[in-house]
Amino acid sequence: MQTKKPRKFPDINSIKANQVDIGASQVEILPSITPFEYPILFHAKDKYTLFSEWLKSNKPMVQDYLHRYGAILFRNFNMDIANSFREVVNAYGNEVMEYTLGAARRTKVVDNIYLSTHHPAAEDLEMHNEMSYASDWPIQILLYCDAPSPTGGETPLCDGRRLWEMLKPETRARFEEKQVMYVRRLGGIFGGLTWQKVFQTEDRAVAEQKCRESNMTYEWLDGDVLVMRWVKPATMRHPATGDVAWFNHAFFFNSIMLNPEIRTTLKVEDMPFYSYYGDGTEIEEEVLEELSVAFKATKSAFRWEKGDMLLVDNILLSHGRNAYTGDRKVLVAMFKSLN
């Protein structure tokens, strides 16, 4: 029996600054400003470098670096107004997703560009791969910082390849065999999204058809509550790199995420979202703690600056949001395809 060789991750000390000539402007490719190698930094030499035009000429190179490092931070480009981000999204050329069947409320700014989250500012938003629980999810996400917060508000990142390899062999085997079951409750006493809002219809038959299309079982409860269940793999193999990464919401959609006071009083059956092993059994507390340790050990974060953009490979890296004070405005666009 062959022993699998551990995957070699990029060495931050081996990354040297590269200069990319685009007309009269230059962009430096620099090591990450975090203790980890992600996100790698693309730094414009001057504020006159228009990112939307630069991106059109350099997308293949951007994709190569993204697949290696999982995330790229673009800084010091000509991105003074939010409308510039719309131009960048259009220039990127990938299919932009609409945020449907999402787990949270999200405000559309223009077209398919949204505010990143309405999660309370005083609370951290735990690590997750965007919409990994859904049948239709983005392969890449692009964030734009229009207004950084005075304190906090970072968008931490975690390499799902590294995290997966950190888990005990028996933990990996359990998730590979059983997969992950999601249970979602639309409506109810704890203010989750209603099925009318999620499915954008008032017709139960339409909602039921959409459940079937997504391979979900469903049941109606008193009070116009819709409960859905479905099973998905715990990992994803990247279509371009072949890497296997942790890709699910099992850690995020669990009671370990709750405030301890709420956790002792809230029943699992009342939670808007919950996760189990694919056979319906509870994910053990010690496994959730193991995941928590792995996330903390692989988490990187940087301070946002106005005009920053962060491109994230949603399969390779998970992301979150740290608590913050004051005002913060980060926009996001989600892309369905690689090209």
Protein backbone atom coordinates (compact mmCIF):
# COMPACT_ATOMS: atom_id res chain seq x y z
CA MET A 1 0.00 0.00 0.00
CA GLN A 2 1.43 3.35 -1.07
CA THR A 3 1.72 6.14 1.45
CA LYS A 4 0.26 9.39 0.17
CA LYS A 5 2.86 12.14 0.08
CA PRO A 6 1.84 15.31 1.89
CA ARG A 7 0.91 18.14 -0.43
CA LYS A 8 3.52 20.88 -0.74
CA PHE A 9 2.05 24.32 -0.31
CA PRO A 10 3.70 27.45 -1.72
CA ASP A 11 6.60 28.71 0.38
CA ILE A 12 6.05 32.34 1.29
CA ASN A 13 9.81 32.92 1.46
CA SER A 14 10.28 31.76 -2.14
CA ILE A 15 7.92 34.36 -3.61
CA LYS A 16 9.83 37.23 -5.17
CA ALA A 17 8.37 40.48 -6.40
CA ASN A 18 7.55 40.35 -10.09
CA GLN A 19 6.77 43.35 -12.24
CA VAL A 20 4.18 43.03 -14.99
CA ASP A 21 4.32 45.70 -17.68
CA ILE A 22 0.93 46.85 -18.96
CA GLY A 23 1.45 49.79 -21.26
CA ALA A 24 2.98 52.61 -19.23
CA SER A 25 1.99 51.13 -15.89
CA GLN A 26 3.44 48.42 -13.68
CA VAL A 27 1.98 45.95 -11.21
CA GLU A 28 4.07 44.21 -8.60
CA ILE A 29 3.28 40.66 -7.53
CA LEU A 30 4.29 40.46 -3.88
CA PRO A 31 4.10 37.94 -1.03
CA SER A 32 1.06 37.98 1.18
CA ILE A 33 0.85 40.64 3.88
CA THR A 34 -0.41 37.93 6.28
CA PRO A 35 1.63 35.21 8.03
CA PHE A 36 0.32 32.75 5.41
CA GLU A 37 0.95 32.72 1.66
CA TYR A 38 -2.63 33.72 0.92
CA PRO A 39 -3.80 36.12 -0.29
CA ILE A 40 -0.93 36.92 -2.63
CA LEU A 41 -0.70 40.67 -3.32
CA PHE A 42 -0.99 42.39 -6.70
CA HIS A 43 0.06 45.98 -6.06
CA ALA A 44 -0.30 48.71 -8.68
CA LYS A 45 2.70 51.03 -8.86
CA ASP A 46 0.47 54.08 -9.19
CA LYS A 47 -3.18 55.06 -8.73
CA TYR A 48 -3.65 55.61 -12.48
CA THR A 49 -3.75 51.89 -13.29
CA LEU A 50 -7.37 51.27 -14.25
CA PHE A 51 -8.13 47.81 -12.92
CA SER A 52 -10.96 46.93 -15.32
CA GLU A 53 -8.67 47.48 -18.33
CA TRP A 54 -5.69 45.79 -16.68
CA LEU A 55 -7.80 42.73 -15.89
CA LYS A 56 -8.94 42.27 -19.50
CA SER A 57 -5.30 41.90 -20.58
CA ASN A 58 -4.15 39.77 -17.67
CA LYS A 59 -6.96 37.39 -16.77
CA PRO A 60 -5.06 34.15 -17.68
CA MET A 61 -2.20 35.18 -15.40
CA VAL A 62 -4.64 36.11 -12.64
CA GLN A 63 -6.28 32.69 -12.91
CA ASP A 64 -2.91 30.93 -12.68
CA TYR A 65 -2.01 32.73 -9.46
CA LEU A 66 -5.51 32.25 -8.06
CA HIS A 67 -5.38 28.48 -8.56
CA ARG A 68 -2.01 28.31 -6.83
CA TYR A 69 -2.67 30.55 -3.84
CA GLY A 70 -6.45 30.51 -3.56
CA ALA A 71 -6.87 34.28 -3.18
CA ILE A 72 -5.44 37.50 -4.61
CA LEU A 73 -5.55 40.94 -2.99
CA PHE A 74 -5.50 43.78 -5.53
CA ARG A 75 -4.34 47.06 -4.01
CA ASN A 76 -3.60 50.64 -5.11
CA PHE A 77 -5.51 50.41 -8.40
CA ASN A 78 -7.76 53.19 -9.69
CA MET A 79 -10.85 52.19 -7.70
CA ASP A 80 -12.10 55.37 -6.04
CA ILE A 81 -15.84 54.84 -6.52
CA ALA A 82 -18.15 51.88 -6.17
CA ASN A 83 -19.16 52.19 -9.82
CA SER A 84 -15.58 51.16 -10.72
CA PHE A 85 -16.32 47.79 -9.15
CA ARG A 86 -19.26 47.32 -11.51
CA GLU A 87 -16.90 47.91 -14.42
CA VAL A 88 -14.46 45.36 -13.01
CA VAL A 89 -17.19 42.75 -12.61
CA ASN A 90 -18.25 43.27 -16.22
CA ALA A 91 -14.64 43.14 -17.42
CA TYR A 92 -13.97 39.87 -15.62
CA GLY A 93 -16.19 38.12 -18.13
CA ASN A 94 -17.39 35.23 -15.98
CA GLU A 95 -21.06 34.43 -15.48
CA VAL A 96 -22.25 36.51 -12.52
CA MET A 97 -24.63 34.75 -10.13
CA GLU A 98 -27.80 36.08 -8.62
CA TYR A 99 -28.05 35.40 -4.89
CA THR A 100 -30.96 32.97 -4.68
CA LEU A 101 -31.59 30.20 -2.12
CA GLY A 102 -29.08 31.99 0.09
CA ALA A 103 -29.01 31.44 3.83
CA ALA A 104 -28.89 35.11 4.78
CA ARG A 105 -30.50 38.40 3.89
CA ARG A 106 -28.42 40.26 1.35
CA THR A 107 -29.04 43.66 -0.23
CA LYS A 108 -28.59 44.05 -3.99
CA VAL A 109 -26.68 47.24 -4.85
CA VAL A 110 -26.82 47.07 -8.65
CA ASP A 111 -27.15 44.24 -11.17
CA ASN A 112 -25.83 41.14 -9.32
CA ILE A 113 -23.56 43.07 -6.95
CA TYR A 114 -24.52 42.85 -3.28
CA LEU A 115 -23.53 44.12 0.13
CA SER A 116 -21.34 41.35 1.52
CA THR A 117 -23.40 40.60 4.65
CA HIS A 118 -25.90 41.98 7.16
CA HIS A 119 -24.47 39.88 9.99
CA PRO A 120 -24.37 41.93 13.23
CA ALA A 121 -21.23 44.07 13.45
CA ALA A 122 -20.48 42.98 17.02
CA GLU A 123 -20.29 39.29 16.06
CA ASP A 124 -17.74 37.34 14.03
CA LEU A 125 -19.04 35.55 10.95
CA GLU A 126 -17.47 32.10 11.01
CA MET A 127 -15.54 30.49 8.18
CA HIS A 128 -17.51 29.10 5.25
CA ASN A 129 -17.37 28.44 1.52
CA GLU A 130 -19.98 30.64 -0.11
CA MET A 131 -23.23 28.70 -0.61
CA SER A 132 -21.45 25.32 -0.46
CA TYR A 133 -24.71 23.87 0.90
CA ALA A 134 -26.62 24.79 -2.29
CA SER A 135 -26.96 23.01 -5.61
CA ASP A 136 -25.88 26.18 -7.38
CA TRP A 137 -22.87 27.95 -5.86
CA PRO A 138 -20.12 30.33 -7.02
CA ILE A 139 -16.71 29.02 -7.99
CA GLN A 140 -15.11 32.43 -7.41
CA ILE A 141 -16.09 35.52 -5.45
CA LEU A 142 -14.80 39.07 -5.79
CA LEU A 143 -15.06 41.56 -2.92
CA TYR A 144 -14.53 45.32 -3.06
CA CYS A 145 -13.89 47.54 -0.05
CA ASP A 146 -15.74 50.82 -0.49
CA ALA A 147 -15.45 51.82 3.18
CA PRO A 148 -13.21 50.00 5.69
CA SER A 149 -14.27 49.96 9.33
CA PRO A 150 -12.21 51.87 11.95
CA THR A 151 -11.50 48.65 13.84
CA GLY A 152 -11.96 45.01 12.90
CA GLY A 153 -14.01 43.99 9.90
CA GLU A 154 -11.28 41.86 8.31
CA THR A 155 -12.22 39.06 5.91
CA PRO A 156 -10.20 36.05 7.18
CA LEU A 157 -9.31 33.25 4.77
CA CYS A 158 -8.59 29.57 5.29
CA ASP A 159 -7.11 27.07 2.82
CA GLY A 160 -9.51 24.12 2.61
CA ARG A 161 -6.80 21.86 1.16
CA ARG A 162 -4.58 22.43 4.16
CA LEU A 163 -7.49 22.11 6.60
CA TRP A 164 -8.59 18.79 5.09
CA GLU A 165 -5.11 17.35 5.48
CA MET A 166 -4.92 18.54 9.10
CA LEU A 167 -7.92 16.46 10.13
CA LYS A 168 -7.44 13.04 11.67
CA PRO A 169 -7.63 10.15 9.17
CA GLU A 170 -10.69 8.78 10.96
CA THR A 171 -12.43 12.17 10.75
CA ARG A 172 -11.75 12.42 7.02
CA ALA A 173 -12.95 8.87 6.49
CA ARG A 174 -16.17 9.59 8.39
CA PHE A 175 -16.99 12.63 6.28
CA GLU A 176 -16.02 10.89 3.04
CA GLU A 177 -18.31 7.96 3.83
CA LYS A 178 -21.26 9.73 5.41
CA GLN A 179 -21.11 13.15 3.72
CA VAL A 180 -23.16 16.05 5.17
CA MET A 181 -26.92 16.44 5.61
CA TYR A 182 -28.39 19.93 5.73
CA VAL A 183 -31.73 20.73 7.33
CA ARG A 184 -33.23 24.11 6.57
CA ARG A 185 -36.33 25.62 8.15
CA LEU A 186 -38.00 28.47 6.29
CA GLY A 187 -40.21 30.51 8.59
CA GLY A 188 -40.79 29.88 12.26
CA ILE A 189 -40.42 31.66 15.56
CA PHE A 190 -36.72 32.56 15.23
CA GLY A 191 -37.11 34.84 12.26
CA GLY A 192 -35.48 32.77 9.51
CA LEU A 193 -36.18 33.68 5.93
CA THR A 194 -39.63 32.67 4.68
CA TRP A 195 -40.07 30.25 1.80
CA GLN A 196 -41.80 33.03 -0.13
CA LYS A 197 -38.66 35.19 0.17
CA VAL A 198 -36.20 32.41 -0.62
CA PHE A 199 -38.07 30.99 -3.61
CA GLN A 200 -39.51 34.36 -4.71
CA THR A 201 -43.03 32.99 -5.05
CA GLU A 202 -46.32 32.78 -3.14
CA ASP A 203 -47.14 29.40 -4.73
CA ARG A 204 -46.32 26.31 -2.64
CA ALA A 205 -46.23 24.15 -5.77
CA VAL A 206 -43.48 26.30 -7.25
CA ALA A 207 -41.44 26.04 -4.05
CA GLU A 208 -41.92 22.27 -3.99
CA GLN A 209 -40.77 21.95 -7.60
CA LYS A 210 -37.62 23.94 -6.83
CA CYS A 211 -36.93 21.61 -3.89
CA ARG A 212 -37.19 18.58 -6.16
CA GLU A 213 -34.90 20.20 -8.73
CA SER A 214 -32.30 20.62 -5.97
CA ASN A 215 -32.68 16.99 -4.76
CA MET A 216 -34.25 18.12 -1.49
CA THR A 217 -36.90 16.30 0.48
CA TYR A 218 -39.41 18.62 2.12
CA GLU A 219 -42.34 18.79 4.51
CA TRP A 220 -44.81 21.48 5.56
CA LEU A 221 -45.34 22.22 9.23
CA ASP A 222 -47.91 24.31 11.03
CA GLY A 223 -47.47 28.04 10.76
CA ASP A 224 -46.57 27.93 7.05
CA VAL A 225 -43.12 26.52 7.83
CA LEU A 226 -41.22 24.60 5.15
CA VAL A 227 -38.50 22.15 6.26
CA MET A 228 -36.05 20.85 3.65
CA ARG A 229 -33.38 18.14 3.88
CA TRP A 230 -30.62 17.19 1.48
CA VAL A 231 -27.20 15.51 1.45
CA LYS A 232 -23.98 16.76 -0.17
CA PRO A 233 -20.30 15.70 -0.12
CA ALA A 234 -18.00 17.17 2.51
CA THR A 235 -15.21 17.87 0.02
CA MET A 236 -14.83 19.14 -3.51
CA ARG A 237 -12.20 18.31 -6.13
CA HIS A 238 -11.18 21.48 -7.93
CA PRO A 239 -11.95 21.22 -11.68
CA ALA A 240 -8.79 23.10 -12.70
CA THR A 241 -6.19 21.99 -10.15
CA GLY A 242 -7.44 18.56 -9.08
CA ASP A 243 -6.91 19.50 -5.43
CA VAL A 244 -9.34 18.13 -2.85
CA ALA A 245 -10.57 20.71 -0.33
CA TRP A 246 -12.97 20.90 2.60
CA PHE A 247 -16.11 22.38 1.01
CA ASN A 248 -19.27 22.39 3.11
CA HIS A 249 -21.20 24.21 5.85
CA ALA A 250 -21.07 21.44 8.49
CA PHE A 251 -19.07 23.60 10.90
CA PHE A 252 -20.88 26.86 10.12
CA PHE A 253 -24.42 25.46 10.39
CA ASN A 254 -24.12 23.92 13.82
CA SER A 255 -24.96 24.73 17.41
CA ILE A 256 -21.27 25.24 18.25
CA MET A 257 -21.58 28.54 16.40
CA LEU A 258 -24.25 29.87 18.74
CA ASN A 259 -23.85 32.17 21.70
CA PRO A 260 -23.50 29.84 24.76
CA GLU A 261 -26.61 31.32 26.41
CA ILE A 262 -28.72 30.75 23.29
CA ARG A 263 -27.17 27.34 22.76
CA THR A 264 -28.57 26.02 26.06
CA THR A 265 -32.13 27.17 25.35
CA LEU A 266 -32.59 26.86 21.57
CA LYS A 267 -33.86 23.53 20.29
CA VAL A 268 -32.16 22.12 17.20
CA GLU A 269 -35.51 21.74 15.48
CA ASP A 270 -36.09 25.49 15.78
CA MET A 271 -32.81 26.53 14.11
CA PRO A 272 -33.17 27.99 10.60
CA PHE A 273 -30.20 25.87 9.44
CA TYR A 274 -28.53 22.80 10.90
CA SER A 275 -26.18 20.06 9.70
CA TYR A 276 -25.65 16.38 10.46
CA TYR A 277 -23.70 13.54 8.97
CA GLY A 278 -25.38 12.36 5.81
CA ASP A 279 -27.04 9.47 7.63
CA GLY A 280 -28.81 11.90 9.97
CA THR A 281 -26.60 11.33 13.01
CA GLU A 282 -25.12 14.21 15.01
CA ILE A 283 -21.62 15.42 14.24
CA GLU A 284 -19.72 14.77 17.45
CA GLU A 285 -18.67 17.67 19.65
CA GLU A 286 -15.04 16.56 19.52
CA VAL A 287 -15.13 16.62 15.70
CA LEU A 288 -16.52 20.15 15.72
CA GLU A 289 -13.76 21.14 18.14
CA GLU A 290 -11.19 19.51 15.84
CA LEU A 291 -12.54 21.58 12.96
CA SER A 292 -12.45 24.72 15.10
CA VAL A 293 -8.76 24.14 15.90
CA ALA A 294 -7.95 23.51 12.23
CA PHE A 295 -9.71 26.69 11.11
CA LYS A 296 -7.86 28.76 13.70
CA ALA A 297 -4.52 27.22 12.71
CA THR A 298 -4.96 28.06 9.02
CA LYS A 299 -6.75 31.42 9.25
CA SER A 300 -5.17 34.51 7.71
CA ALA A 301 -6.49 38.07 7.78
CA PHE A 302 -5.48 41.52 6.58
CA ARG A 303 -6.72 45.07 7.16
CA TRP A 304 -8.96 46.35 4.39
CA GLU A 305 -8.03 49.62 2.67
CA LYS A 306 -10.47 51.63 0.58
CA GLY A 307 -10.35 50.47 -3.03
CA ASP A 308 -9.01 46.99 -2.19
CA MET A 309 -10.39 44.04 -4.11
CA LEU A 310 -10.11 40.42 -3.01
CA LEU A 311 -10.56 37.58 -5.49
CA VAL A 312 -11.20 34.24 -3.77
CA ASP A 313 -11.39 30.74 -5.22
CA ASN A 314 -14.49 29.57 -3.38
CA ILE A 315 -13.53 25.88 -3.60
CA LEU A 316 -9.97 26.21 -2.36
CA LEU A 317 -10.51 28.83 0.36
CA SER A 318 -13.23 29.54 2.89
CA HIS A 319 -13.78 33.03 4.27
CA GLY A 320 -15.48 34.82 7.18
CA ARG A 321 -15.77 38.29 8.66
CA ASN A 322 -14.41 39.64 11.93
CA ALA A 323 -16.49 41.80 14.25
CA TYR A 324 -16.04 45.53 13.75
CA THR A 325 -16.96 48.99 14.95
CA GLY A 326 -18.23 51.98 13.00
CA ASP A 327 -19.29 51.85 9.37
CA ARG A 328 -18.11 49.20 6.92
CA LYS A 329 -19.10 48.73 3.29
CA VAL A 330 -17.81 45.75 1.33
CA LEU A 331 -19.47 44.71 -1.94
CA VAL A 332 -19.41 41.24 -3.45
CA ALA A 333 -20.01 39.62 -6.83
CA MET A 334 -20.17 35.85 -7.30
CA PHE A 335 -19.10 34.01 -10.44
CA LYS A 336 -20.34 30.62 -11.64
CA SER A 337 -17.64 29.72 -14.16
CA LEU A 338 -13.85 29.53 -14.42
CA ASN A 339 -13.54 31.38 -17.73
